[in-house]
Amino acid sequence: MANRCGASRSLGPTKVCAIHIRGGMRCAWCGVTYHGRGDASIDHLDGDPQNNDSTNLVSAHIGCNASRAHEWPAGKEWTPRAADIEHAFGSFWQYLLRKGTPLEAGIRRAALQRIKTLDLDAGRHLARQWYPGYCEKCNRANRAWRYRKTPEGRAEIERAQAYLRGSGTLAG
C-alpha cells in the first residue's frame, strides 16, 4: 500500500508509529480506531507541515486530516482553549457532526494526545509491522556502520575523501 501520510517522509516510521501509539491507535478528532496504517495519518495541529515538534503532532484518521486541512490559521499556535474560541473549523465542524462526534470531544482528545510523551521503542516495534522494508533498511544501515569501523572500510572512506579532494583515485 502506498504511504499516504506526508509526515512519514520527514519524520520517519519510528516517530510516526510512536505518535499513533501515543494516541491509542485512535483518531484525535473522531475517535475511530485504526486497523492498519492505511487508515492513519499524522495531523499538524498548527497547520505548518515544517513544525514537526511532537507537541504539534497528533494521530488522525485520513478523512479527518483531509477535512481539517488548512482550516486552522497557518502559523498560529494550537491550544485547546484557542481551538474552542476560534471555531475556525467551518466545514470540519460540520464533517464531525455528520460522523456523530462533537468538535469539543475532538479538541479534548487532541489536547490529551499532545501532552503524552512518545515511546520510541514501541514505535520501532510497530514500524516493523507497518513498514515491511523497515527492518531491512535498519539491517543495511547497521552492516554499513560496522563495515566503516573495519580497517578495510576506513581505507575505502579515506580513498573516497582523497578522490573528492582531487588528490587520489577510487581504485584500491
Protein backbone atom coordinates (compact mmCIF):
# COMPACT_ATOMS: atom_id res chain seq x y z
CA MET A 1 0.00 0.00 0.00
CA ALA A 2 1.29 3.45 -0.86
CA ASN A 3 2.21 5.69 2.01
CA ARG A 4 -0.44 8.41 2.16
CA CYS A 5 0.96 10.24 5.18
CA GLY A 6 3.22 13.11 4.10
CA ALA A 7 4.65 13.41 7.60
CA SER A 8 6.07 9.88 7.31
CA ARG A 9 8.64 11.07 4.80
CA SER A 10 10.03 13.76 7.10
CA LEU A 11 9.50 12.10 10.49
CA GLY A 12 10.43 8.51 9.71
CA PRO A 13 8.50 5.34 10.52
CA THR A 14 9.55 5.11 14.18
CA LYS A 15 8.30 8.55 15.18
CA VAL A 16 5.13 8.23 13.09
CA CYS A 17 4.29 4.93 14.78
CA ALA A 18 5.15 6.33 18.21
CA ILE A 19 2.67 9.18 17.60
CA HIS A 20 -0.06 6.68 16.70
CA ILE A 21 0.71 4.61 19.80
CA ARG A 22 0.66 7.76 21.96
CA GLY A 23 -2.82 8.41 20.57
CA GLY A 24 -4.00 4.93 21.49
CA MET A 25 -4.28 3.96 17.81
CA ARG A 26 -7.29 6.30 17.61
CA CYS A 27 -8.05 9.47 15.69
CA ALA A 28 -7.72 12.58 17.82
CA TRP A 29 -10.72 14.13 16.09
CA CYS A 30 -13.38 11.45 15.54
CA GLY A 31 -12.10 8.70 17.85
CA VAL A 32 -12.01 5.99 15.14
CA THR A 33 -9.67 3.10 15.98
CA TYR A 34 -7.10 2.21 13.30
CA HIS A 35 -6.89 -1.25 11.80
CA GLY A 36 -3.65 -0.59 9.93
CA ARG A 37 -1.52 2.19 8.59
CA GLY A 38 -3.84 2.73 5.60
CA ASP A 39 -6.37 4.40 7.92
CA ALA A 40 -3.90 6.53 9.88
CA SER A 41 -2.15 9.82 9.22
CA ILE A 42 -0.36 12.50 11.22
CA ASP A 43 -2.05 15.88 11.72
CA HIS A 44 -0.04 19.05 12.29
CA LEU A 45 -2.19 21.00 14.73
CA ASP A 46 -0.88 24.42 13.74
CA GLY A 47 -1.21 23.65 10.02
CA ASP A 48 2.54 24.09 9.43
CA PRO A 49 3.99 20.92 7.86
CA GLN A 50 7.51 22.10 8.78
CA ASN A 51 6.74 22.16 12.52
CA ASN A 52 7.44 18.54 13.48
CA ASP A 53 7.61 19.13 17.22
CA SER A 54 5.89 16.20 18.95
CA THR A 55 3.51 18.57 20.78
CA ASN A 56 2.26 19.79 17.38
CA LEU A 57 1.52 16.30 16.03
CA VAL A 58 -1.46 14.06 16.70
CA SER A 59 -2.69 10.81 15.27
CA ALA A 60 -5.59 11.41 12.88
CA HIS A 61 -7.88 9.40 10.65
CA ILE A 62 -7.15 10.09 6.96
CA GLY A 63 -10.63 11.50 6.38
CA CYS A 64 -10.45 13.83 9.39
CA ASN A 65 -6.98 15.06 8.49
CA ALA A 66 -8.08 15.81 4.93
CA SER A 67 -11.28 17.52 6.13
CA ARG A 68 -9.47 19.66 8.71
CA ALA A 69 -6.69 20.57 6.28
CA HIS A 70 -5.90 24.27 6.24
CA GLU A 71 -8.80 25.30 8.48
CA TRP A 72 -6.56 26.31 11.38
CA PRO A 73 -4.82 29.64 10.66
CA ALA A 74 -1.32 28.80 9.41
CA GLY A 75 1.43 29.53 11.89
CA LYS A 76 -0.98 30.14 14.78
CA GLU A 77 -0.15 28.03 17.82
CA TRP A 78 -2.80 25.41 18.55
CA THR A 79 -4.11 25.16 22.10
CA PRO A 80 -7.36 23.58 23.28
CA ARG A 81 -8.60 26.97 24.51
CA ALA A 82 -7.76 28.74 21.25
CA ALA A 83 -9.40 25.94 19.26
CA ASP A 84 -12.52 26.22 21.41
CA ILE A 85 -12.70 30.00 20.97
CA GLU A 86 -11.51 30.23 17.37
CA HIS A 87 -14.01 27.85 15.77
CA ALA A 88 -12.10 28.35 12.54
CA PHE A 89 -13.30 24.84 11.81
CA GLY A 90 -16.16 25.71 9.46
CA SER A 91 -16.61 22.66 7.26
CA PHE A 92 -14.58 20.41 9.58
CA TRP A 93 -17.02 21.08 12.41
CA GLN A 94 -19.89 20.04 10.10
CA TYR A 95 -17.89 16.97 8.95
CA LEU A 96 -17.52 15.79 12.56
CA LEU A 97 -21.20 16.41 13.29
CA ARG A 98 -22.13 14.19 10.33
CA LYS A 99 -19.92 11.49 11.88
CA GLY A 100 -21.73 11.94 15.20
CA THR A 101 -18.75 13.41 17.07
CA PRO A 102 -18.82 16.88 18.62
CA LEU A 103 -15.86 19.15 17.88
CA GLU A 104 -15.28 19.70 21.60
CA ALA A 105 -14.59 15.96 22.10
CA GLY A 106 -12.02 16.07 19.30
CA ILE A 107 -10.34 19.11 20.81
CA ARG A 108 -10.10 17.28 24.15
CA ARG A 109 -8.65 14.13 22.53
CA ALA A 110 -6.09 16.18 20.57
CA ALA A 111 -5.06 18.04 23.74
CA LEU A 112 -4.58 14.75 25.62
CA GLN A 113 -2.55 13.22 22.78
CA ARG A 114 -0.14 16.13 22.50
CA ILE A 115 0.88 16.17 26.18
CA LYS A 116 1.84 12.49 26.40
CA THR A 117 5.47 11.55 25.75
CA LEU A 118 6.46 9.44 22.75
CA ASP A 119 7.51 5.82 23.31
CA LEU A 120 10.08 5.34 20.54
CA ASP A 121 10.75 1.70 21.46
CA ALA A 122 7.08 0.86 20.96
CA GLY A 123 7.19 2.95 17.77
CA ARG A 124 10.08 0.85 16.43
CA HIS A 125 8.15 -2.33 17.17
CA LEU A 126 5.03 -1.11 15.33
CA ALA A 127 7.15 0.26 12.45
CA ARG A 128 8.48 -3.25 11.83
CA GLN A 129 4.89 -4.41 11.31
CA TRP A 130 3.56 -1.42 9.33
CA TYR A 131 6.60 -0.82 7.11
CA PRO A 132 7.86 -4.15 5.71
CA GLY A 133 11.11 -2.68 4.34
CA TYR A 134 11.93 -1.01 7.64
CA CYS A 135 13.83 -3.98 9.12
CA GLU A 136 15.97 -4.49 6.02
CA LYS A 137 16.77 -0.78 5.86
CA CYS A 138 17.90 -0.85 9.50
CA ASN A 139 19.93 -4.00 8.91
CA ARG A 140 21.66 -2.46 5.86
CA ALA A 141 22.50 0.67 7.86
CA ASN A 142 23.92 -1.43 10.71
CA ARG A 143 26.02 -3.52 8.31
CA ALA A 144 27.37 -0.37 6.66
CA TRP A 145 28.17 1.18 10.03
CA ARG A 146 30.02 -1.97 11.15
CA TYR A 147 31.93 -2.11 7.83
CA ARG A 148 33.09 1.50 8.22
CA LYS A 149 34.64 0.52 11.56
CA THR A 150 36.84 -2.19 9.96
CA PRO A 151 40.31 -1.38 8.57
CA GLU A 152 39.06 -2.09 5.02
CA GLY A 153 36.09 0.23 5.50
CA ARG A 154 38.23 3.04 6.89
CA ALA A 155 40.66 2.67 3.97
CA GLU A 156 37.78 2.87 1.49
CA ILE A 157 36.47 6.04 3.17
CA GLU A 158 39.95 7.62 3.08
CA ARG A 159 40.29 6.80 -0.66
CA ALA A 160 36.89 8.38 -1.37
CA GLN A 161 37.78 11.51 0.61
CA ALA A 162 41.11 11.82 -1.20
CA TYR A 163 39.32 11.44 -4.53
CA LEU A 164 36.84 14.17 -3.60
CA ARG A 165 39.73 16.47 -2.63
CA GLY A 166 41.25 15.77 -6.04
CA SER A 167 44.35 14.08 -4.67
CA GLY A 168 43.64 10.42 -5.33
CA THR A 169 41.78 7.74 -7.26
CA LEU A 170 38.93 5.49 -6.23
CA ALA A 171 40.80 2.33 -7.26
CA GLY A 172 42.02 0.42 -4.22
